[in-house]
Amino acid sequence: MTPLRIRIGPGDHADGPRDAPIQLLEYGDYECPYCGRAYAEVEEVRRALAGRLLLVYRHFPLTQVHPHAMLAAEAAEAAGAQGRFWEMHGVLFQNQHALEPQDLVAYADAIALEPDRFTEDLEEHRFEGKVRRDFLSGARTGVNGTPTFFVNGRRHDGVFTADALIEALQGGAPGAAY
């Protein structure tokens, strides 16, 4: 199992206790249908391990096959700048079929983001650098497709059903400290 090369840090989007005994990191793409399926599984893992799990998401937009993935990732980052990353994250995965700029603006409105700031962030590509850094961190660790999961700091090459992820998380070694 390949170890995670870029440790989890303060620049990552993380949900759960920072000192959680178990960690699940996903490299994903908002337009990837497999990531869309994984989203529901990860949400089940989140519920099952609440309070004991640190969930981290890093962007890995496969722009050559998913033309909307980069802007969708930037939208998630723009929402994150307003304290709403995880809300936008969920909306994007639940609406993978509609990731045009006007759709992203509608989602921002639905989760009560400040609309002018959000639109300006997208138009200026203010968070493109962050998305690219996430992508490069994945590439350095050998990520070449999505979704790719790291369980407690080690690549999980098995299936990504909730049961399989929970089993791997509970049986794995402690992850890298925050």
N, C-alpha and C. Protein backbone atom coordinates (compact mmCIF):
# COMPACT_ATOMS: atom_id res chain seq x y z
N MET A 1 0.85 -1.18 0.00
CA MET A 1 0.00 0.00 0.00
C MET A 1 0.89 1.24 0.00
N THR A 2 0.65 2.10 -0.93
CA THR A 2 1.43 3.32 -1.10
C THR A 2 1.12 4.30 0.03
N PRO A 3 2.16 4.87 0.64
CA PRO A 3 1.89 5.88 1.69
C PRO A 3 1.55 7.23 1.06
N LEU A 4 0.79 7.99 1.80
CA LEU A 4 0.45 9.36 1.41
C LEU A 4 1.70 10.21 1.53
N ARG A 5 2.11 10.87 0.44
CA ARG A 5 3.35 11.66 0.46
C ARG A 5 3.15 13.05 1.07
N ILE A 6 2.04 13.67 0.80
CA ILE A 6 1.77 15.02 1.31
C ILE A 6 0.83 14.87 2.50
N ARG A 7 1.38 15.07 3.68
CA ARG A 7 0.60 14.88 4.91
C ARG A 7 -0.60 15.81 4.98
N ILE A 8 -1.60 15.38 5.69
CA ILE A 8 -2.78 16.20 5.94
C ILE A 8 -2.35 17.41 6.75
N GLY A 9 -2.82 18.58 6.33
CA GLY A 9 -2.42 19.80 7.00
C GLY A 9 -3.52 20.83 7.05
N PRO A 10 -3.22 22.01 7.56
CA PRO A 10 -4.24 23.04 7.74
C PRO A 10 -4.85 23.55 6.44
N GLY A 11 -4.21 23.36 5.30
CA GLY A 11 -4.77 23.80 4.03
C GLY A 11 -5.77 22.83 3.44
N ASP A 12 -5.93 21.67 4.07
CA ASP A 12 -6.87 20.66 3.57
C ASP A 12 -8.27 20.91 4.10
N HIS A 13 -9.26 20.49 3.31
CA HIS A 13 -10.64 20.52 3.78
C HIS A 13 -10.86 19.25 4.60
N ALA A 14 -11.09 19.43 5.88
CA ALA A 14 -11.21 18.31 6.79
C ALA A 14 -12.48 18.45 7.61
N ASP A 15 -13.13 17.33 7.82
CA ASP A 15 -14.34 17.28 8.64
C ASP A 15 -14.14 16.21 9.71
N GLY A 16 -14.36 16.59 10.94
CA GLY A 16 -14.18 15.66 12.04
C GLY A 16 -13.10 16.18 12.97
N PRO A 17 -12.91 15.50 14.07
CA PRO A 17 -11.90 15.93 15.04
C PRO A 17 -10.50 15.87 14.44
N ARG A 18 -9.73 16.91 14.64
CA ARG A 18 -8.36 16.96 14.10
C ARG A 18 -7.49 15.85 14.69
N ASP A 19 -7.82 15.40 15.88
CA ASP A 19 -7.04 14.34 16.52
C ASP A 19 -7.75 12.99 16.41
N ALA A 20 -8.61 12.84 15.41
CA ALA A 20 -9.36 11.60 15.24
C ALA A 20 -8.41 10.41 15.11
N PRO A 21 -8.77 9.29 15.68
CA PRO A 21 -7.89 8.11 15.60
C PRO A 21 -7.85 7.47 14.21
N ILE A 22 -8.82 7.80 13.36
CA ILE A 22 -8.83 7.24 12.01
C ILE A 22 -9.05 8.35 10.99
N GLN A 23 -8.42 8.17 9.82
CA GLN A 23 -8.46 9.21 8.79
C GLN A 23 -8.78 8.60 7.43
N LEU A 24 -9.63 9.28 6.70
CA LEU A 24 -9.96 8.89 5.33
C LEU A 24 -9.75 10.11 4.45
N LEU A 25 -8.85 9.99 3.49
CA LEU A 25 -8.58 11.07 2.55
C LEU A 25 -8.99 10.61 1.16
N GLU A 26 -9.74 11.46 0.46
CA GLU A 26 -10.16 11.14 -0.90
C GLU A 26 -9.61 12.17 -1.87
N TYR A 27 -9.05 11.68 -2.97
CA TYR A 27 -8.76 12.52 -4.13
C TYR A 27 -9.93 12.28 -5.07
N GLY A 28 -10.64 13.37 -5.40
CA GLY A 28 -11.84 13.19 -6.21
C GLY A 28 -12.03 14.26 -7.26
N ASP A 29 -13.04 14.03 -8.08
CA ASP A 29 -13.39 14.85 -9.23
C ASP A 29 -14.91 14.97 -9.23
N TYR A 30 -15.43 16.18 -9.19
CA TYR A 30 -16.87 16.39 -9.06
C TYR A 30 -17.67 15.90 -10.26
N GLU A 31 -17.03 15.70 -11.39
CA GLU A 31 -17.76 15.24 -12.58
C GLU A 31 -17.60 13.73 -12.80
N CYS A 32 -16.76 13.09 -12.04
CA CYS A 32 -16.49 11.66 -12.18
C CYS A 32 -17.68 10.84 -11.65
N PRO A 33 -18.26 9.98 -12.49
CA PRO A 33 -19.41 9.19 -12.01
C PRO A 33 -19.04 8.23 -10.89
N TYR A 34 -17.81 7.72 -10.89
CA TYR A 34 -17.38 6.83 -9.80
C TYR A 34 -17.27 7.60 -8.49
N CYS A 35 -16.80 8.84 -8.57
CA CYS A 35 -16.75 9.68 -7.37
C CYS A 35 -18.16 9.99 -6.87
N GLY A 36 -19.08 10.15 -7.81
CA GLY A 36 -20.47 10.38 -7.42
C GLY A 36 -21.02 9.20 -6.64
N ARG A 37 -20.70 7.99 -7.08
CA ARG A 37 -21.13 6.80 -6.35
C ARG A 37 -20.41 6.71 -5.01
N ALA A 38 -19.13 7.05 -5.01
CA ALA A 38 -18.35 6.99 -3.77
C ALA A 38 -18.88 7.99 -2.74
N TYR A 39 -19.42 9.13 -3.21
CA TYR A 39 -19.91 10.15 -2.29
C TYR A 39 -20.92 9.56 -1.31
N ALA A 40 -21.88 8.80 -1.81
CA ALA A 40 -22.90 8.20 -0.94
C ALA A 40 -22.26 7.23 0.05
N GLU A 41 -21.28 6.48 -0.40
CA GLU A 41 -20.59 5.53 0.48
C GLU A 41 -19.81 6.26 1.58
N VAL A 42 -19.12 7.33 1.18
CA VAL A 42 -18.34 8.10 2.15
C VAL A 42 -19.27 8.76 3.18
N GLU A 43 -20.42 9.22 2.74
CA GLU A 43 -21.37 9.80 3.69
C GLU A 43 -21.82 8.76 4.72
N GLU A 44 -21.99 7.52 4.27
CA GLU A 44 -22.36 6.45 5.20
C GLU A 44 -21.22 6.18 6.19
N VAL A 45 -19.99 6.20 5.70
CA VAL A 45 -18.81 6.03 6.57
C VAL A 45 -18.78 7.15 7.60
N ARG A 46 -19.02 8.36 7.12
CA ARG A 46 -19.01 9.54 8.01
C ARG A 46 -20.01 9.39 9.16
N ARG A 47 -21.21 8.93 8.82
CA ARG A 47 -22.24 8.74 9.85
C ARG A 47 -21.84 7.62 10.81
N ALA A 48 -21.34 6.52 10.26
CA ALA A 48 -21.01 5.36 11.09
C ALA A 48 -19.86 5.64 12.05
N LEU A 49 -18.92 6.48 11.62
CA LEU A 49 -17.72 6.70 12.43
C LEU A 49 -17.65 8.13 13.00
N ALA A 50 -18.79 8.77 13.09
CA ALA A 50 -18.83 10.15 13.59
C ALA A 50 -18.12 10.26 14.93
N GLY A 51 -17.30 11.30 15.04
CA GLY A 51 -16.56 11.53 16.27
C GLY A 51 -15.22 10.83 16.33
N ARG A 52 -15.04 9.82 15.48
CA ARG A 52 -13.77 9.07 15.46
C ARG A 52 -13.04 9.20 14.14
N LEU A 53 -13.66 9.89 13.15
CA LEU A 53 -13.12 9.96 11.79
C LEU A 53 -12.77 11.39 11.41
N LEU A 54 -11.59 11.53 10.82
CA LEU A 54 -11.23 12.77 10.15
C LEU A 54 -11.34 12.49 8.66
N LEU A 55 -12.26 13.17 7.99
CA LEU A 55 -12.47 13.03 6.55
C LEU A 55 -11.83 14.21 5.85
N VAL A 56 -11.00 13.93 4.84
CA VAL A 56 -10.29 14.97 4.10
C VAL A 56 -10.59 14.78 2.62
N TYR A 57 -10.82 15.90 1.93
CA TYR A 57 -11.06 15.86 0.49
C TYR A 57 -10.03 16.73 -0.22
N ARG A 58 -9.42 16.15 -1.25
CA ARG A 58 -8.51 16.89 -2.11
C ARG A 58 -8.99 16.76 -3.55
N HIS A 59 -8.81 17.83 -4.29
CA HIS A 59 -9.26 17.87 -5.68
C HIS A 59 -8.29 17.14 -6.60
N PHE A 60 -8.87 16.39 -7.54
CA PHE A 60 -8.08 15.74 -8.58
C PHE A 60 -8.91 15.76 -9.87
N PRO A 61 -9.15 16.97 -10.41
CA PRO A 61 -10.01 17.07 -11.60
C PRO A 61 -9.33 16.49 -12.84
N LEU A 62 -9.99 15.54 -13.44
CA LEU A 62 -9.49 14.91 -14.67
C LEU A 62 -10.05 15.69 -15.86
N THR A 63 -9.44 16.81 -16.13
CA THR A 63 -10.00 17.80 -17.06
C THR A 63 -10.07 17.31 -18.51
N GLN A 64 -9.27 16.34 -18.88
CA GLN A 64 -9.32 15.86 -20.26
C GLN A 64 -10.57 15.04 -20.54
N VAL A 65 -11.14 14.43 -19.51
CA VAL A 65 -12.38 13.66 -19.69
C VAL A 65 -13.59 14.31 -19.02
N HIS A 66 -13.34 15.23 -18.10
CA HIS A 66 -14.42 15.90 -17.37
C HIS A 66 -14.23 17.41 -17.49
N PRO A 67 -14.79 18.01 -18.54
CA PRO A 67 -14.54 19.43 -18.82
C PRO A 67 -15.06 20.40 -17.76
N HIS A 68 -15.97 19.98 -16.90
CA HIS A 68 -16.52 20.87 -15.88
C HIS A 68 -15.87 20.69 -14.51
N ALA A 69 -14.98 19.71 -14.40
CA ALA A 69 -14.43 19.34 -13.10
C ALA A 69 -13.60 20.45 -12.46
N MET A 70 -12.81 21.16 -13.25
CA MET A 70 -11.95 22.20 -12.69
C MET A 70 -12.78 23.34 -12.11
N LEU A 71 -13.74 23.84 -12.88
CA LEU A 71 -14.54 24.95 -12.37
C LEU A 71 -15.40 24.51 -11.18
N ALA A 72 -15.85 23.27 -11.19
CA ALA A 72 -16.61 22.77 -10.05
C ALA A 72 -15.73 22.75 -8.80
N ALA A 73 -14.47 22.32 -8.96
CA ALA A 73 -13.55 22.32 -7.82
C ALA A 73 -13.29 23.75 -7.35
N GLU A 74 -13.15 24.68 -8.28
CA GLU A 74 -12.97 26.08 -7.90
C GLU A 74 -14.21 26.60 -7.16
N ALA A 75 -15.38 26.15 -7.57
CA ALA A 75 -16.62 26.56 -6.89
C ALA A 75 -16.63 26.04 -5.45
N ALA A 76 -16.17 24.81 -5.26
CA ALA A 76 -16.10 24.27 -3.90
C ALA A 76 -15.13 25.10 -3.05
N GLU A 77 -14.02 25.49 -3.65
CA GLU A 77 -13.06 26.33 -2.93
C GLU A 77 -13.63 27.70 -2.63
N ALA A 78 -14.34 28.28 -3.59
CA ALA A 78 -14.97 29.59 -3.36
C ALA A 78 -15.99 29.50 -2.23
N ALA A 79 -16.73 28.41 -2.18
CA ALA A 79 -17.66 28.19 -1.08
C ALA A 79 -16.89 28.03 0.23
N GLY A 80 -15.76 27.33 0.16
CA GLY A 80 -14.93 27.15 1.35
C GLY A 80 -14.42 28.47 1.90
N ALA A 81 -14.14 29.41 1.02
CA ALA A 81 -13.68 30.73 1.45
C ALA A 81 -14.76 31.46 2.23
N GLN A 82 -16.01 31.02 2.04
CA GLN A 82 -17.13 31.60 2.79
C GLN A 82 -17.62 30.64 3.88
N GLY A 83 -16.79 29.65 4.21
CA GLY A 83 -17.13 28.73 5.29
C GLY A 83 -18.13 27.66 4.93
N ARG A 84 -18.31 27.37 3.64
CA ARG A 84 -19.34 26.43 3.22
C ARG A 84 -18.82 25.34 2.27
N PHE A 85 -17.57 24.94 2.44
CA PHE A 85 -17.00 23.93 1.53
C PHE A 85 -17.85 22.67 1.49
N TRP A 86 -18.11 22.09 2.67
CA TRP A 86 -18.78 20.79 2.70
C TRP A 86 -20.21 20.85 2.16
N GLU A 87 -20.88 21.99 2.34
CA GLU A 87 -22.23 22.13 1.77
C GLU A 87 -22.15 22.11 0.24
N MET A 88 -21.20 22.88 -0.33
CA MET A 88 -21.06 22.90 -1.79
C MET A 88 -20.57 21.54 -2.29
N HIS A 89 -19.68 20.93 -1.58
CA HIS A 89 -19.17 19.59 -1.92
C HIS A 89 -20.34 18.62 -2.13
N GLY A 90 -21.26 18.60 -1.20
CA GLY A 90 -22.42 17.71 -1.31
C GLY A 90 -23.31 18.06 -2.48
N VAL A 91 -23.58 19.35 -2.65
CA VAL A 91 -24.44 19.80 -3.75
C VAL A 91 -23.83 19.44 -5.10
N LEU A 92 -22.53 19.60 -5.23
CA LEU A 92 -21.87 19.29 -6.50
C LEU A 92 -21.97 17.80 -6.82
N PHE A 93 -21.75 16.95 -5.84
CA PHE A 93 -21.85 15.51 -6.10
C PHE A 93 -23.30 15.09 -6.35
N GLN A 94 -24.23 15.75 -5.73
CA GLN A 94 -25.64 15.42 -5.94
C GLN A 94 -26.17 15.95 -7.27
N ASN A 95 -25.42 16.82 -7.92
CA ASN A 95 -25.86 17.43 -9.18
C ASN A 95 -24.77 17.35 -10.24
N GLN A 96 -24.11 16.22 -10.34
CA GLN A 96 -22.99 16.05 -11.29
C GLN A 96 -23.39 16.29 -12.74
N HIS A 97 -24.63 16.12 -13.04
CA HIS A 97 -25.11 16.31 -14.41
C HIS A 97 -25.26 17.78 -14.79
N ALA A 98 -25.14 18.68 -13.84
CA ALA A 98 -25.36 20.11 -14.09
C ALA A 98 -24.26 20.92 -13.41
N LEU A 99 -23.15 21.10 -14.12
CA LEU A 99 -22.00 21.81 -13.55
C LEU A 99 -21.56 22.99 -14.42
N GLU A 100 -22.49 23.56 -15.15
CA GLU A 100 -22.21 24.76 -15.94
C GLU A 100 -22.09 25.95 -14.98
N PRO A 101 -21.43 27.03 -15.41
CA PRO A 101 -21.27 28.18 -14.52
C PRO A 101 -22.58 28.67 -13.90
N GLN A 102 -23.64 28.74 -14.68
CA GLN A 102 -24.92 29.21 -14.12
C GLN A 102 -25.46 28.25 -13.07
N ASP A 103 -25.18 26.95 -13.22
CA ASP A 103 -25.59 25.98 -12.21
C ASP A 103 -24.82 26.22 -10.91
N LEU A 104 -23.53 26.47 -11.04
CA LEU A 104 -22.71 26.70 -9.85
C LEU A 104 -23.18 27.93 -9.08
N VAL A 105 -23.55 28.96 -9.81
CA VAL A 105 -24.07 30.18 -9.18
C VAL A 105 -25.39 29.88 -8.47
N ALA A 106 -26.23 29.07 -9.09
CA ALA A 106 -27.51 28.70 -8.45
C ALA A 106 -27.26 27.90 -7.18
N TYR A 107 -26.27 27.01 -7.19
CA TYR A 107 -25.96 26.24 -5.99
C TYR A 107 -25.43 27.16 -4.89
N ALA A 108 -24.62 28.14 -5.28
CA ALA A 108 -24.10 29.10 -4.30
C ALA A 108 -25.26 29.84 -3.63
N ASP A 109 -26.25 30.21 -4.43
CA ASP A 109 -27.42 30.89 -3.89
C ASP A 109 -28.19 29.96 -2.95
N ALA A 110 -28.32 28.69 -3.35
CA ALA A 110 -29.08 27.72 -2.54
C ALA A 110 -28.44 27.49 -1.17
N ILE A 111 -27.12 27.62 -1.08
CA ILE A 111 -26.47 27.41 0.23
C ILE A 111 -26.11 28.75 0.89
N ALA A 112 -26.73 29.81 0.40
CA ALA A 112 -26.65 31.14 1.02
C ALA A 112 -25.24 31.74 1.02
N LEU A 113 -24.52 31.59 -0.10
CA LEU A 113 -23.24 32.27 -0.22
C LEU A 113 -23.46 33.70 -0.68
N GLU A 114 -22.50 34.56 -0.41
CA GLU A 114 -22.57 35.94 -0.89
C GLU A 114 -22.34 35.87 -2.41
N PRO A 115 -23.37 36.18 -3.21
CA PRO A 115 -23.32 35.90 -4.65
C PRO A 115 -22.25 36.66 -5.43
N ASP A 116 -22.06 37.94 -5.15
CA ASP A 116 -21.08 38.71 -5.92
C ASP A 116 -19.66 38.19 -5.66
N ARG A 117 -19.38 37.91 -4.41
CA ARG A 117 -18.05 37.39 -4.06
C ARG A 117 -17.81 36.04 -4.73
N PHE A 118 -18.81 35.16 -4.68
CA PHE A 118 -18.68 33.84 -5.29
C PHE A 118 -18.45 33.95 -6.79
N THR A 119 -19.25 34.75 -7.45
CA THR A 119 -19.14 34.92 -8.90
C THR A 119 -17.78 35.50 -9.28
N GLU A 120 -17.35 36.49 -8.53
CA GLU A 120 -16.04 37.09 -8.79
C GLU A 120 -14.92 36.08 -8.58
N ASP A 121 -15.02 35.26 -7.53
CA ASP A 121 -14.01 34.23 -7.28
C ASP A 121 -13.91 33.27 -8.48
N LEU A 122 -15.06 32.89 -9.04
CA LEU A 122 -15.04 31.99 -10.20
C LEU A 122 -14.49 32.68 -11.43
N GLU A 123 -14.96 33.89 -11.69
CA GLU A 123 -14.51 34.61 -12.89
C GLU A 123 -13.01 34.89 -12.86
N GLU A 124 -12.49 35.17 -11.68
CA GLU A 124 -11.06 35.48 -11.52
C GLU A 124 -10.21 34.20 -11.37
N HIS A 125 -10.87 33.05 -11.28
CA HIS A 125 -10.18 31.77 -11.04
C HIS A 125 -9.27 31.89 -9.82
N ARG A 126 -9.81 32.52 -8.79
CA ARG A 126 -9.05 32.81 -7.58
C ARG A 126 -8.50 31.56 -6.89
N PHE A 127 -9.17 30.44 -7.06
CA PHE A 127 -8.76 29.23 -6.34
C PHE A 127 -8.19 28.15 -7.25
N GLU A 128 -7.89 28.52 -8.48
CA GLU A 128 -7.30 27.56 -9.41
C GLU A 128 -5.97 27.02 -8.87
N GLY A 129 -5.17 27.87 -8.27
CA GLY A 129 -3.89 27.44 -7.71
C GLY A 129 -4.05 26.38 -6.64
N LYS A 130 -5.03 26.54 -5.77
CA LYS A 130 -5.28 25.56 -4.70
C LYS A 130 -5.69 24.22 -5.31
N VAL A 131 -6.55 24.26 -6.31
CA VAL A 131 -7.00 23.03 -6.96
C VAL A 131 -5.80 22.34 -7.61
N ARG A 132 -4.95 23.10 -8.28
CA ARG A 132 -3.77 22.52 -8.93
C ARG A 132 -2.78 21.94 -7.90
N ARG A 133 -2.64 22.60 -6.77
CA ARG A 133 -1.76 22.06 -5.71
C ARG A 133 -2.28 20.72 -5.20
N ASP A 134 -3.61 20.62 -5.01
CA ASP A 134 -4.20 19.34 -4.61
C ASP A 134 -3.89 18.28 -5.66
N PHE A 135 -4.11 18.64 -6.93
CA PHE A 135 -3.88 17.70 -8.03
C PHE A 135 -2.43 17.22 -8.02
N LEU A 136 -1.51 18.15 -7.90
CA LEU A 136 -0.08 17.79 -7.90
C LEU A 136 0.29 16.94 -6.70
N SER A 137 -0.32 17.19 -5.55
CA SER A 137 -0.04 16.36 -4.37
C SER A 137 -0.48 14.93 -4.64
N GLY A 138 -1.59 14.77 -5.34
CA GLY A 138 -2.04 13.42 -5.70
C GLY A 138 -1.11 12.77 -6.70
N ALA A 139 -0.72 13.52 -7.71
CA ALA A 139 0.18 12.98 -8.74
C ALA A 139 1.49 12.52 -8.11
N ARG A 140 2.00 13.28 -7.14
CA ARG A 140 3.26 12.91 -6.46
C ARG A 140 3.12 11.63 -5.65
N THR A 141 1.90 11.31 -5.27
CA THR A 141 1.65 10.11 -4.47
C THR A 141 1.21 8.93 -5.35
N GLY A 142 1.13 9.15 -6.64
CA GLY A 142 0.77 8.07 -7.54
C GLY A 142 -0.70 7.98 -7.89
N VAL A 143 -1.47 8.99 -7.53
CA VAL A 143 -2.89 9.00 -7.91
C VAL A 143 -2.95 9.21 -9.42
N ASN A 144 -3.73 8.37 -10.08
CA ASN A 144 -3.89 8.52 -11.52
C ASN A 144 -5.34 8.35 -11.96
N GLY A 145 -6.24 8.25 -11.02
CA GLY A 145 -7.66 8.14 -11.31
C GLY A 145 -8.46 8.50 -10.09
N THR A 146 -9.75 8.61 -10.30
CA THR A 146 -10.64 8.99 -9.19
C THR A 146 -11.81 8.02 -9.10
N PRO A 147 -12.29 7.82 -7.87
CA PRO A 147 -11.73 8.32 -6.62
C PRO A 147 -10.53 7.47 -6.19
N THR A 148 -9.63 8.09 -5.49
CA THR A 148 -8.52 7.38 -4.85
C THR A 148 -8.58 7.72 -3.37
N PHE A 149 -8.57 6.68 -2.56
CA PHE A 149 -8.67 6.86 -1.11
C PHE A 149 -7.37 6.48 -0.42
N PHE A 150 -7.11 7.20 0.67
CA PHE A 150 -6.02 6.86 1.58
C PHE A 150 -6.64 6.65 2.95
N VAL A 151 -6.41 5.48 3.49
CA VAL A 151 -6.94 5.07 4.79
C VAL A 151 -5.79 5.11 5.78
N ASN A 152 -5.91 5.99 6.76
CA ASN A 152 -4.89 6.13 7.78
C ASN A 152 -3.50 6.29 7.17
N GLY A 153 -3.42 7.11 6.12
CA GLY A 153 -2.15 7.45 5.52
C GLY A 153 -1.63 6.49 4.46
N ARG A 154 -2.39 5.43 4.15
CA ARG A 154 -1.96 4.45 3.14
C ARG A 154 -3.04 4.30 2.08
N ARG A 155 -2.60 4.16 0.85
CA ARG A 155 -3.54 4.03 -0.26
C ARG A 155 -4.42 2.79 -0.08
N HIS A 156 -5.70 2.97 -0.31
CA HIS A 156 -6.68 1.89 -0.24
C HIS A 156 -6.99 1.47 -1.67
N ASP A 157 -6.55 0.30 -2.05
CA ASP A 157 -6.76 -0.16 -3.42
C ASP A 157 -7.95 -1.09 -3.56
N GLY A 158 -8.67 -1.31 -2.49
CA GLY A 158 -9.85 -2.18 -2.54
C GLY A 158 -11.08 -1.42 -3.01
N VAL A 159 -12.21 -2.08 -2.92
CA VAL A 159 -13.47 -1.44 -3.30
C VAL A 159 -13.78 -0.32 -2.33
N PHE A 160 -14.63 0.61 -2.78
CA PHE A 160 -14.92 1.76 -1.92
C PHE A 160 -16.37 1.76 -1.45
N THR A 161 -16.87 0.59 -1.10
CA THR A 161 -18.18 0.54 -0.46
C THR A 161 -18.00 1.02 0.98
N ALA A 162 -19.07 1.44 1.60
CA ALA A 162 -18.99 1.89 2.98
C ALA A 162 -18.44 0.78 3.88
N ASP A 163 -18.94 -0.44 3.71
CA ASP A 163 -18.47 -1.54 4.55
C ASP A 163 -16.98 -1.78 4.38
N ALA A 164 -16.48 -1.77 3.14
CA ALA A 164 -15.06 -2.01 2.89
C ALA A 164 -14.21 -0.89 3.47
N LEU A 165 -14.66 0.35 3.32
CA LEU A 165 -13.90 1.48 3.87
C LEU A 165 -13.89 1.45 5.39
N ILE A 166 -15.03 1.15 5.99
CA ILE A 166 -15.10 1.08 7.45
C ILE A 166 -14.18 -0.02 7.97
N GLU A 167 -14.20 -1.18 7.32
CA GLU A 167 -13.33 -2.28 7.73
C GLU A 167 -11.86 -1.87 7.63
N ALA A 168 -11.49 -1.23 6.53
CA ALA A 168 -10.11 -0.79 6.34
C ALA A 168 -9.72 0.27 7.38
N LEU A 169 -10.64 1.18 7.65
CA LEU A 169 -10.36 2.24 8.61
C LEU A 169 -10.20 1.69 10.02
N GLN A 170 -11.01 0.75 10.39
CA GLN A 170 -10.93 0.21 11.74
C GLN A 170 -9.78 -0.77 11.92
N GLY A 171 -9.30 -1.34 10.81
CA GLY A 171 -8.22 -2.31 10.91
C GLY A 171 -6.86 -1.74 10.61
N GLY A 172 -6.82 -0.46 10.16
CA GLY A 172 -5.55 0.13 9.74
C GLY A 172 -4.78 0.72 10.89
N ALA A 173 -3.57 1.08 10.57
CA ALA A 173 -2.69 1.74 11.55
C ALA A 173 -3.10 3.19 11.70
N PRO A 174 -2.75 3.83 12.80
CA PRO A 174 -3.08 5.24 12.99
C PRO A 174 -2.50 6.08 11.88
N GLY A 175 -3.24 7.12 11.49
CA GLY A 175 -2.79 8.00 10.42
C GLY A 175 -1.76 9.00 10.90
N ALA A 176 -1.27 9.76 9.95
CA ALA A 176 -0.30 10.82 10.27
C ALA A 176 -0.99 11.90 11.07
N ALA A 177 -0.38 12.32 12.12
CA ALA A 177 -0.98 13.37 12.98
C ALA A 177 -1.11 14.67 12.22
N TYR A 178 -2.08 15.44 12.59
CA TYR A 178 -2.34 16.73 11.94
C TYR A 178 -1.27 17.72 12.25
